[in-house]
Structure formats: structure tokens, C-alpha cells
Amino acid sequence: VIEKIDEFAKYDLQEIDRVVKSFVTSDSVEDRLQWVIDPERVKPLMMKYYGGNEIDAEGYRSFDRSEISHRGTFVTSVVRTGDFLAYPIAVSRVVSGDSVRYLVDWESWVGYCDITPEKAKVEKPTEPFMMRVMLRPESYFNYSFSDDSKWHAYQMHFRNSDEVFLAYSAIKSAPDEALQVVRDNGGTTPFLVKVRFPQGARAGNQVEIVEVIEVGWIAGINEEKND
């Protein structure tokens, strides 16, 4: 316990608050890139997501220092934006020599997916693609996933999309084992997963979960973010 307290004490909450405020008030990709992890890799993802350089800034009202949790190099909490709603945000402590920076995980902030749910529904890719999703148990089986002795079923929700998919894990597969937590708690759990449509899919909203990358939306949360 003492070791965990000492580790958490390394985090400068005032500086994290400043970085979060700068991040959510930035109104362009170029500005926002100053405050994010791995900006060179993330820049084309941002341009694709926002449809250009301009961003409709979320705005800032407060950062909740009382609800902070710590895992790996990350602290997570919630920020209340200009719409008065609270959203989870993850910030990594990045050490480079004697300097320390705090950078936001943009991909988990927006719930970034390789393909938007709307596009996936139309194109039905059969090659695995990554999605950040919220999963909860479901009991609907149909089409390619009609045999409930072979599949476990889930509702799949997304951030910033009204689409709801049905997702299935093959019973006793590696993803199915990783998703036991969803079936046990019966509630909604965030996951970073890879999914695919079956060959000749009849439904545009039914996918197979072929890999569970992380519990939660932060990729590589236990990896060190040091230069």
C-alpha cells in the first residue's frame, strides 16, 4: 500500500489539470497534438476523425481530482466539459531524462475505431479490425450466430455513435475466456477488441470478437511511456 501511495505521489495533479484544460479547449489538430501521446502516429488518425484540421473544442469546466485512479503510467479521472457533462480521460506520465510531461490518450478519449460503426455496417469487413466498445450480455442469436451452444452474445455500444451491434465470442475461445468478466458482472464493460464480419454476412450489425486487446480503452496501459 505504501509503495502504491509513493508511486501515485509522483503525479503533479495541478499540471495534469492544466494539460487536460489545454487539450479540451484546443480547436485545431495542430494545437491538440501538443497535448497527446505519440503525436506523429496520431496526427493522421485525428485528421481522419475530425475531417480536417478544425476541431469543435469540447470546452472546459472542471477536472475531478477526487475521482482519480492510477494504473501503469496512467492516471484516469473525469473532466466536465462545456456541455456540463462528465467524460473519462486518461493522462500518461512520460519521463524523458530529467523532464516529466503529461500527455492525454486521445484514442481512448474519442473511442477511436479503425472503422466507424456506420461504415462497418455497410462494408462488412471480413478481415479483423479494431474497435473501442462497451459490452454487456445479450441473449439474441441469429443468422451466422444462431447456435447458442457455440456462441456467447453481447450488445456492443460505441462512443459518439447511436449504432448498437451484436457481438459474439466462440465458446471456449481465447476471447471468450477474456470476456468472462462481462458475463459475470452482467453490466457494461469497456474493451479494446478486434472484430470481423462472417463471410457472406446477412446482418450489418453482427460481428465476431476474434481478439480482446485490453480491458478498457487504453492500448498498452501497462507499458512504460518513457523516452
C-alpha atoms as a PDB file:
ATOM      1  CA  VAL A   1       0.000   0.000   0.000  1.00  0.00           C
ATOM      2  CA  ILE A   2       2.823   2.398   0.917  1.00  0.00           C
ATOM      3  CA  GLU A   3       4.544   1.636  -2.393  1.00  0.00           C
ATOM      4  CA  LYS A   4       1.352   2.472  -4.318  1.00  0.00           C
ATOM      5  CA  ILE A   5       0.929   5.733  -2.402  1.00  0.00           C
ATOM      6  CA  ASP A   6       4.544   6.699  -3.125  1.00  0.00           C
ATOM      7  CA  GLU A   7       4.080   5.905  -6.820  1.00  0.00           C
ATOM      8  CA  PHE A   8       0.896   7.982  -7.047  1.00  0.00           C
ATOM      9  CA  ALA A   9       2.656  10.881  -5.278  1.00  0.00           C
ATOM     10  CA  LYS A  10       4.852  11.280  -8.379  1.00  0.00           C
ATOM     11  CA  TYR A  11       1.896  12.729 -10.274  1.00  0.00           C
ATOM     12  CA  ASP A  12       1.520  16.520 -10.362  1.00  0.00           C
ATOM     13  CA  LEU A  13      -2.252  16.971 -10.284  1.00  0.00           C
ATOM     14  CA  GLN A  14      -2.060  20.705 -10.907  1.00  0.00           C
ATOM     15  CA  GLU A  15      -0.045  20.117 -14.078  1.00  0.00           C
ATOM     16  CA  ILE A  16      -2.392  17.324 -15.174  1.00  0.00           C
ATOM     17  CA  ASP A  17      -5.320  19.706 -14.725  1.00  0.00           C
ATOM     18  CA  ARG A  18      -3.538  22.304 -16.893  1.00  0.00           C
ATOM     19  CA  VAL A  19      -2.809  19.759 -19.636  1.00  0.00           C
ATOM     20  CA  VAL A  20      -6.386  18.457 -19.642  1.00  0.00           C
ATOM     21  CA  LYS A  21      -7.750  22.008 -19.884  1.00  0.00           C
ATOM     22  CA  SER A  22      -5.398  22.815 -22.765  1.00  0.00           C
ATOM     23  CA  PHE A  23      -6.393  19.604 -24.519  1.00  0.00           C
ATOM     24  CA  VAL A  24     -10.178  20.054 -24.366  1.00  0.00           C
ATOM     25  CA  THR A  25     -10.031  23.747 -25.303  1.00  0.00           C
ATOM     26  CA  SER A  26      -7.773  23.233 -28.343  1.00  0.00           C
ATOM     27  CA  ASP A  27      -9.657  23.962 -31.561  1.00  0.00           C
ATOM     28  CA  SER A  28      -7.314  22.516 -34.175  1.00  0.00           C
ATOM     29  CA  VAL A  29      -5.456  19.276 -34.773  1.00  0.00           C
ATOM     30  CA  GLU A  30      -2.129  21.121 -34.757  1.00  0.00           C
ATOM     31  CA  ASP A  31      -2.889  22.630 -31.354  1.00  0.00           C
ATOM     32  CA  ARG A  32      -4.254  19.405 -29.853  1.00  0.00           C
ATOM     33  CA  LEU A  33      -1.204  17.414 -30.948  1.00  0.00           C
ATOM     34  CA  GLN A  34       0.866  19.286 -28.319  1.00  0.00           C
ATOM     35  CA  TRP A  35      -1.052  17.511 -25.564  1.00  0.00           C
ATOM     36  CA  VAL A  36      -1.329  13.901 -26.794  1.00  0.00           C
ATOM     37  CA  ILE A  37       0.670  10.694 -26.654  1.00  0.00           C
ATOM     38  CA  ASP A  38       2.555   9.732 -29.837  1.00  0.00           C
ATOM     39  CA  PRO A  39       1.543  12.790 -31.904  1.00  0.00           C
ATOM     40  CA  GLU A  40       3.222  11.698 -35.158  1.00  0.00           C
ATOM     41  CA  ARG A  41       1.274   8.437 -35.260  1.00  0.00           C
ATOM     42  CA  VAL A  42      -1.948  10.014 -34.010  1.00  0.00           C
ATOM     43  CA  LYS A  43      -1.999  13.016 -36.379  1.00  0.00           C
ATOM     44  CA  PRO A  44      -3.410  11.158 -39.434  1.00  0.00           C
ATOM     45  CA  LEU A  45      -5.948   9.453 -37.169  1.00  0.00           C
ATOM     46  CA  MET A  46      -7.060  12.849 -35.888  1.00  0.00           C
ATOM     47  CA  MET A  47      -7.295  14.295 -39.394  1.00  0.00           C
ATOM     48  CA  LYS A  48      -9.421  11.337 -40.430  1.00  0.00           C
ATOM     49  CA  TYR A  49     -11.612  11.531 -37.318  1.00  0.00           C
ATOM     50  CA  TYR A  50     -12.215  15.298 -37.389  1.00  0.00           C
ATOM     51  CA  GLY A  51     -12.375  15.524 -41.179  1.00  0.00           C
ATOM     52  CA  GLY A  52      -9.636  18.151 -41.345  1.00  0.00           C
ATOM     53  CA  ASN A  53      -7.607  20.419 -39.093  1.00  0.00           C
ATOM     54  CA  GLU A  54     -10.504  22.175 -37.342  1.00  0.00           C
ATOM     55  CA  ILE A  55     -11.901  20.799 -34.070  1.00  0.00           C
ATOM     56  CA  ASP A  56     -15.115  21.761 -32.338  1.00  0.00           C
ATOM     57  CA  ALA A  57     -13.486  22.114 -28.921  1.00  0.00           C
ATOM     58  CA  GLU A  58     -15.271  20.337 -26.083  1.00  0.00           C
ATOM     59  CA  GLY A  59     -14.561  23.175 -23.651  1.00  0.00           C
ATOM     60  CA  TYR A  60     -13.545  23.009 -20.002  1.00  0.00           C
ATOM     61  CA  ARG A  61     -15.378  23.482 -16.717  1.00  0.00           C
ATOM     62  CA  SER A  62     -13.537  21.310 -14.205  1.00  0.00           C
ATOM     63  CA  PHE A  63     -11.221  18.341 -13.696  1.00  0.00           C
ATOM     64  CA  ASP A  64     -12.209  15.999 -10.885  1.00  0.00           C
ATOM     65  CA  ARG A  65      -9.173  15.382  -8.674  1.00  0.00           C
ATOM     66  CA  SER A  66     -11.231  13.359  -6.167  1.00  0.00           C
ATOM     67  CA  GLU A  67     -12.026  10.508  -8.581  1.00  0.00           C
ATOM     68  CA  ILE A  68      -8.516   9.834  -9.877  1.00  0.00           C
ATOM     69  CA  SER A  69      -7.312   6.259 -10.294  1.00  0.00           C
ATOM     70  CA  HIS A  70      -3.811   5.053 -11.144  1.00  0.00           C
ATOM     71  CA  ARG A  71      -2.649   2.148 -13.314  1.00  0.00           C
ATOM     72  CA  GLY A  72       0.692   1.684 -15.018  1.00  0.00           C
ATOM     73  CA  THR A  73       1.912   5.112 -16.167  1.00  0.00           C
ATOM     74  CA  PHE A  74      -1.638   6.434 -16.433  1.00  0.00           C
ATOM     75  CA  VAL A  75      -3.970   8.365 -14.198  1.00  0.00           C
ATOM     76  CA  THR A  76      -7.623   8.467 -15.147  1.00  0.00           C
ATOM     77  CA  SER A  77     -10.409  10.718 -13.952  1.00  0.00           C
ATOM     78  CA  VAL A  78     -13.297  12.702 -15.433  1.00  0.00           C
ATOM     79  CA  VAL A  79     -13.398  16.152 -16.959  1.00  0.00           C
ATOM     80  CA  ARG A  80     -16.546  18.256 -17.081  1.00  0.00           C
ATOM     81  CA  THR A  81     -16.682  19.922 -20.477  1.00  0.00           C
ATOM     82  CA  GLY A  82     -18.574  22.886 -21.881  1.00  0.00           C
ATOM     83  CA  ASP A  83     -21.792  20.883 -22.213  1.00  0.00           C
ATOM     84  CA  PHE A  84     -21.773  20.315 -18.422  1.00  0.00           C
ATOM     85  CA  LEU A  85     -21.370  16.547 -18.950  1.00  0.00           C
ATOM     86  CA  ALA A  86     -18.540  14.498 -17.446  1.00  0.00           C
ATOM     87  CA  TYR A  87     -16.304  12.308 -19.597  1.00  0.00           C
ATOM     88  CA  PRO A  88     -13.483   9.919 -18.617  1.00  0.00           C
ATOM     89  CA  ILE A  89      -9.985  10.976 -19.598  1.00  0.00           C
ATOM     90  CA  ALA A  90      -6.624   9.212 -19.327  1.00  0.00           C
ATOM     91  CA  VAL A  91      -3.298  11.022 -18.904  1.00  0.00           C
ATOM     92  CA  SER A  92       0.133   9.364 -19.050  1.00  0.00           C
ATOM     93  CA  ARG A  93       3.211  10.479 -17.123  1.00  0.00           C
ATOM     94  CA  VAL A  94       6.068  10.473 -19.630  1.00  0.00           C
ATOM     95  CA  VAL A  95       9.634  10.731 -18.346  1.00  0.00           C
ATOM     96  CA  SER A  96      12.465  11.856 -20.643  1.00  0.00           C
ATOM     97  CA  GLY A  97      15.772  12.255 -18.821  1.00  0.00           C
ATOM     98  CA  ASP A  98      15.144  14.740 -16.017  1.00  0.00           C
ATOM     99  CA  SER A  99      11.936  16.124 -17.526  1.00  0.00           C
ATOM    100  CA  VAL A 100       8.378  14.923 -16.943  1.00  0.00           C
ATOM    101  CA  ARG A 101       5.451  15.558 -19.261  1.00  0.00           C
ATOM    102  CA  TYR A 102       1.777  14.663 -19.004  1.00  0.00           C
ATOM    103  CA  LEU A 103       0.042  13.633 -22.218  1.00  0.00           C
ATOM    104  CA  VAL A 104      -3.571  12.699 -22.963  1.00  0.00           C
ATOM    105  CA  ASP A 105      -4.508   9.392 -24.575  1.00  0.00           C
ATOM    106  CA  TRP A 106      -6.525  10.829 -27.458  1.00  0.00           C
ATOM    107  CA  GLU A 107      -7.642   7.469 -28.852  1.00  0.00           C
ATOM    108  CA  SER A 108      -9.404   6.437 -25.655  1.00  0.00           C
ATOM    109  CA  TRP A 109     -10.831   9.971 -25.291  1.00  0.00           C
ATOM    110  CA  VAL A 110     -12.756   9.727 -28.569  1.00  0.00           C
ATOM    111  CA  GLY A 111     -13.235   5.942 -28.534  1.00  0.00           C
ATOM    112  CA  TYR A 112     -11.270   5.673 -31.767  1.00  0.00           C
ATOM    113  CA  CYS A 113     -12.007   2.691 -34.040  1.00  0.00           C
ATOM    114  CA  ASP A 114     -10.248   1.540 -37.207  1.00  0.00           C
ATOM    115  CA  ILE A 115     -13.622   1.845 -38.952  1.00  0.00           C
ATOM    116  CA  THR A 116     -16.644   3.769 -37.757  1.00  0.00           C
ATOM    117  CA  PRO A 117     -19.670   1.630 -36.840  1.00  0.00           C
ATOM    118  CA  GLU A 118     -21.625   3.298 -39.632  1.00  0.00           C
ATOM    119  CA  LYS A 119     -19.011   2.415 -42.248  1.00  0.00           C
ATOM    120  CA  ALA A 120     -18.524  -1.105 -40.896  1.00  0.00           C
ATOM    121  CA  LYS A 121     -22.256  -1.720 -41.110  1.00  0.00           C
ATOM    122  CA  VAL A 122     -22.181  -1.005 -44.840  1.00  0.00           C
ATOM    123  CA  GLU A 123     -18.857  -2.562 -45.821  1.00  0.00           C
ATOM    124  CA  LYS A 124     -18.967  -5.636 -43.512  1.00  0.00           C
ATOM    125  CA  PRO A 125     -15.191  -6.293 -43.460  1.00  0.00           C
ATOM    126  CA  THR A 126     -14.242  -9.941 -43.035  1.00  0.00           C
ATOM    127  CA  GLU A 127     -10.659  -9.076 -42.003  1.00  0.00           C
ATOM    128  CA  PRO A 128     -10.277  -8.219 -38.290  1.00  0.00           C
ATOM    129  CA  PHE A 129     -10.421  -4.530 -37.374  1.00  0.00           C
ATOM    130  CA  MET A 130     -10.025  -2.741 -34.064  1.00  0.00           C
ATOM    131  CA  MET A 131     -12.858  -1.096 -32.146  1.00  0.00           C
ATOM    132  CA  ARG A 132     -13.286   0.530 -28.750  1.00  0.00           C
ATOM    133  CA  VAL A 133     -16.586  -0.706 -27.414  1.00  0.00           C
ATOM    134  CA  MET A 134     -18.838  -1.105 -24.412  1.00  0.00           C
ATOM    135  CA  LEU A 135     -20.087  -4.673 -23.977  1.00  0.00           C
ATOM    136  CA  ARG A 136     -22.981  -6.082 -21.999  1.00  0.00           C
ATOM    137  CA  PRO A 137     -24.538  -9.574 -22.051  1.00  0.00           C
ATOM    138  CA  GLU A 138     -27.202 -10.302 -24.669  1.00  0.00           C
ATOM    139  CA  SER A 139     -29.369 -13.336 -25.450  1.00  0.00           C
ATOM    140  CA  TYR A 140     -30.144 -12.826 -29.152  1.00  0.00           C
ATOM    141  CA  PHE A 141     -28.861 -15.404 -31.646  1.00  0.00           C
ATOM    142  CA  ASN A 142     -29.496 -15.292 -35.389  1.00  0.00           C
ATOM    143  CA  TYR A 143     -28.022 -15.777 -38.885  1.00  0.00           C
ATOM    144  CA  SER A 144     -24.336 -16.785 -38.664  1.00  0.00           C
ATOM    145  CA  PHE A 145     -24.589 -16.839 -34.868  1.00  0.00           C
ATOM    146  CA  SER A 146     -27.852 -18.755 -34.395  1.00  0.00           C
ATOM    147  CA  ASP A 147     -26.442 -21.665 -32.346  1.00  0.00           C
ATOM    148  CA  ASP A 148     -26.325 -20.627 -28.686  1.00  0.00           C
ATOM    149  CA  SER A 149     -24.332 -23.750 -27.834  1.00  0.00           C
ATOM    150  CA  LYS A 150     -21.401 -22.337 -29.834  1.00  0.00           C
ATOM    151  CA  TRP A 151     -21.553 -18.623 -29.020  1.00  0.00           C
ATOM    152  CA  HIS A 152     -21.878 -16.133 -26.184  1.00  0.00           C
ATOM    153  CA  ALA A 153     -23.706 -12.943 -27.185  1.00  0.00           C
ATOM    154  CA  TYR A 154     -23.191  -9.284 -26.257  1.00  0.00           C
ATOM    155  CA  GLN A 155     -24.597  -5.878 -27.031  1.00  0.00           C
ATOM    156  CA  MET A 156     -21.859  -3.617 -28.394  1.00  0.00           C
ATOM    157  CA  HIS A 157     -22.070   0.145 -27.937  1.00  0.00           C
ATOM    158  CA  PHE A 158     -19.727   2.941 -29.062  1.00  0.00           C
ATOM    159  CA  ARG A 159     -18.839   6.470 -28.077  1.00  0.00           C
ATOM    160  CA  ASN A 160     -20.255   9.184 -30.345  1.00  0.00           C
ATOM    161  CA  SER A 161     -22.463   6.734 -32.271  1.00  0.00           C
ATOM    162  CA  ASP A 162     -26.065   5.627 -31.898  1.00  0.00           C
ATOM    163  CA  GLU A 163     -25.325   2.299 -33.578  1.00  0.00           C
ATOM    164  CA  VAL A 164     -25.746  -0.852 -31.499  1.00  0.00           C
ATOM    165  CA  PHE A 165     -24.076  -4.038 -32.727  1.00  0.00           C
ATOM    166  CA  LEU A 166     -24.497  -7.620 -31.624  1.00  0.00           C
ATOM    167  CA  ALA A 167     -21.165  -9.291 -30.967  1.00  0.00           C
ATOM    168  CA  TYR A 168     -20.352 -12.948 -30.412  1.00  0.00           C
ATOM    169  CA  SER A 169     -17.435 -14.865 -28.922  1.00  0.00           C
ATOM    170  CA  ALA A 170     -16.911 -18.533 -29.752  1.00  0.00           C
ATOM    171  CA  ILE A 171     -17.383 -20.533 -26.552  1.00  0.00           C
ATOM    172  CA  LYS A 172     -14.072 -21.670 -25.004  1.00  0.00           C
ATOM    173  CA  SER A 173     -12.033 -19.480 -27.366  1.00  0.00           C
ATOM    174  CA  ALA A 174      -9.355 -17.093 -26.021  1.00  0.00           C
ATOM    175  CA  PRO A 175     -11.588 -14.008 -26.466  1.00  0.00           C
ATOM    176  CA  ASP A 176     -14.463 -15.841 -24.806  1.00  0.00           C
ATOM    177  CA  GLU A 177     -12.307 -16.516 -21.744  1.00  0.00           C
ATOM    178  CA  ALA A 178     -11.271 -12.857 -21.585  1.00  0.00           C
ATOM    179  CA  LEU A 179     -14.918 -11.776 -21.764  1.00  0.00           C
ATOM    180  CA  GLN A 180     -15.951 -13.876 -18.777  1.00  0.00           C
ATOM    181  CA  VAL A 181     -15.919 -10.671 -16.717  1.00  0.00           C
ATOM    182  CA  VAL A 182     -18.822  -9.308 -18.806  1.00  0.00           C
ATOM    183  CA  ARG A 183     -20.899 -12.417 -18.262  1.00  0.00           C
ATOM    184  CA  ASP A 184     -20.059 -12.453 -14.555  1.00  0.00           C
ATOM    185  CA  ASN A 185     -20.913  -8.849 -13.711  1.00  0.00           C
ATOM    186  CA  GLY A 186     -23.886  -8.535 -16.049  1.00  0.00           C
ATOM    187  CA  GLY A 187     -23.217  -4.841 -16.523  1.00  0.00           C
ATOM    188  CA  THR A 188     -21.431  -2.789 -19.166  1.00  0.00           C
ATOM    189  CA  THR A 189     -17.647  -3.060 -19.518  1.00  0.00           C
ATOM    190  CA  PRO A 190     -15.280  -1.143 -21.854  1.00  0.00           C
ATOM    191  CA  PHE A 191     -12.993  -3.179 -24.119  1.00  0.00           C
ATOM    192  CA  LEU A 192     -10.475  -2.687 -26.902  1.00  0.00           C
ATOM    193  CA  VAL A 193     -11.179  -5.576 -29.278  1.00  0.00           C
ATOM    194  CA  LYS A 194     -10.728  -6.849 -32.807  1.00  0.00           C
ATOM    195  CA  VAL A 195     -13.859  -7.996 -34.623  1.00  0.00           C
ATOM    196  CA  ARG A 196     -14.849  -9.218 -38.066  1.00  0.00           C
ATOM    197  CA  PHE A 197     -17.955  -9.977 -40.062  1.00  0.00           C
ATOM    198  CA  PRO A 198     -18.582 -13.572 -41.172  1.00  0.00           C
ATOM    199  CA  GLN A 199     -18.238 -14.376 -44.865  1.00  0.00           C
ATOM    200  CA  GLY A 200     -21.497 -13.546 -46.654  1.00  0.00           C
ATOM    201  CA  ALA A 201     -22.873 -11.729 -43.595  1.00  0.00           C
ATOM    202  CA  ARG A 202     -26.593 -11.126 -43.832  1.00  0.00           C
ATOM    203  CA  ALA A 203     -26.727  -8.645 -40.977  1.00  0.00           C
ATOM    204  CA  GLY A 204     -24.775  -5.393 -40.930  1.00  0.00           C
ATOM    205  CA  ASN A 205     -24.648  -5.264 -37.150  1.00  0.00           C
ATOM    206  CA  GLN A 206     -23.485  -8.767 -36.152  1.00  0.00           C
ATOM    207  CA  VAL A 207     -19.761  -9.425 -35.668  1.00  0.00           C
ATOM    208  CA  GLU A 208     -17.447 -11.998 -34.147  1.00  0.00           C
ATOM    209  CA  ILE A 209     -14.988 -10.895 -31.472  1.00  0.00           C
ATOM    210  CA  VAL A 210     -11.712 -12.503 -32.520  1.00  0.00           C
ATOM    211  CA  GLU A 211      -9.319 -10.802 -30.089  1.00  0.00           C
ATOM    212  CA  VAL A 212      -9.524  -8.949 -26.781  1.00  0.00           C
ATOM    213  CA  ILE A 213      -6.635  -6.461 -26.741  1.00  0.00           C
ATOM    214  CA  GLU A 214      -7.351  -4.696 -23.449  1.00  0.00           C
ATOM    215  CA  VAL A 215      -9.970  -4.356 -20.758  1.00  0.00           C
ATOM    216  CA  GLY A 216     -10.713  -0.646 -21.078  1.00  0.00           C
ATOM    217  CA  TRP A 217      -9.881   1.643 -24.000  1.00  0.00           C
ATOM    218  CA  ILE A 218      -6.211   2.425 -23.307  1.00  0.00           C
ATOM    219  CA  ALA A 219      -3.842   0.451 -25.523  1.00  0.00           C
ATOM    220  CA  GLY A 220      -0.706  -0.769 -23.737  1.00  0.00           C
ATOM    221  CA  ILE A 221      -1.788   0.644 -20.392  1.00  0.00           C
ATOM    222  CA  ASN A 222       0.851  -1.350 -18.531  1.00  0.00           C
ATOM    223  CA  GLU A 223       3.704  -0.351 -20.833  1.00  0.00           C
ATOM    224  CA  GLU A 224       6.154   2.317 -19.736  1.00  0.00           C
ATOM    225  CA  LYS A 225       5.835   5.615 -21.650  1.00  0.00           C
ATOM    226  CA  ASN A 226       9.413   6.794 -21.170  1.00  0.00           C
ATOM    227  CA  ASP A 227      11.676   8.172 -23.885  1.00  0.00           C
END
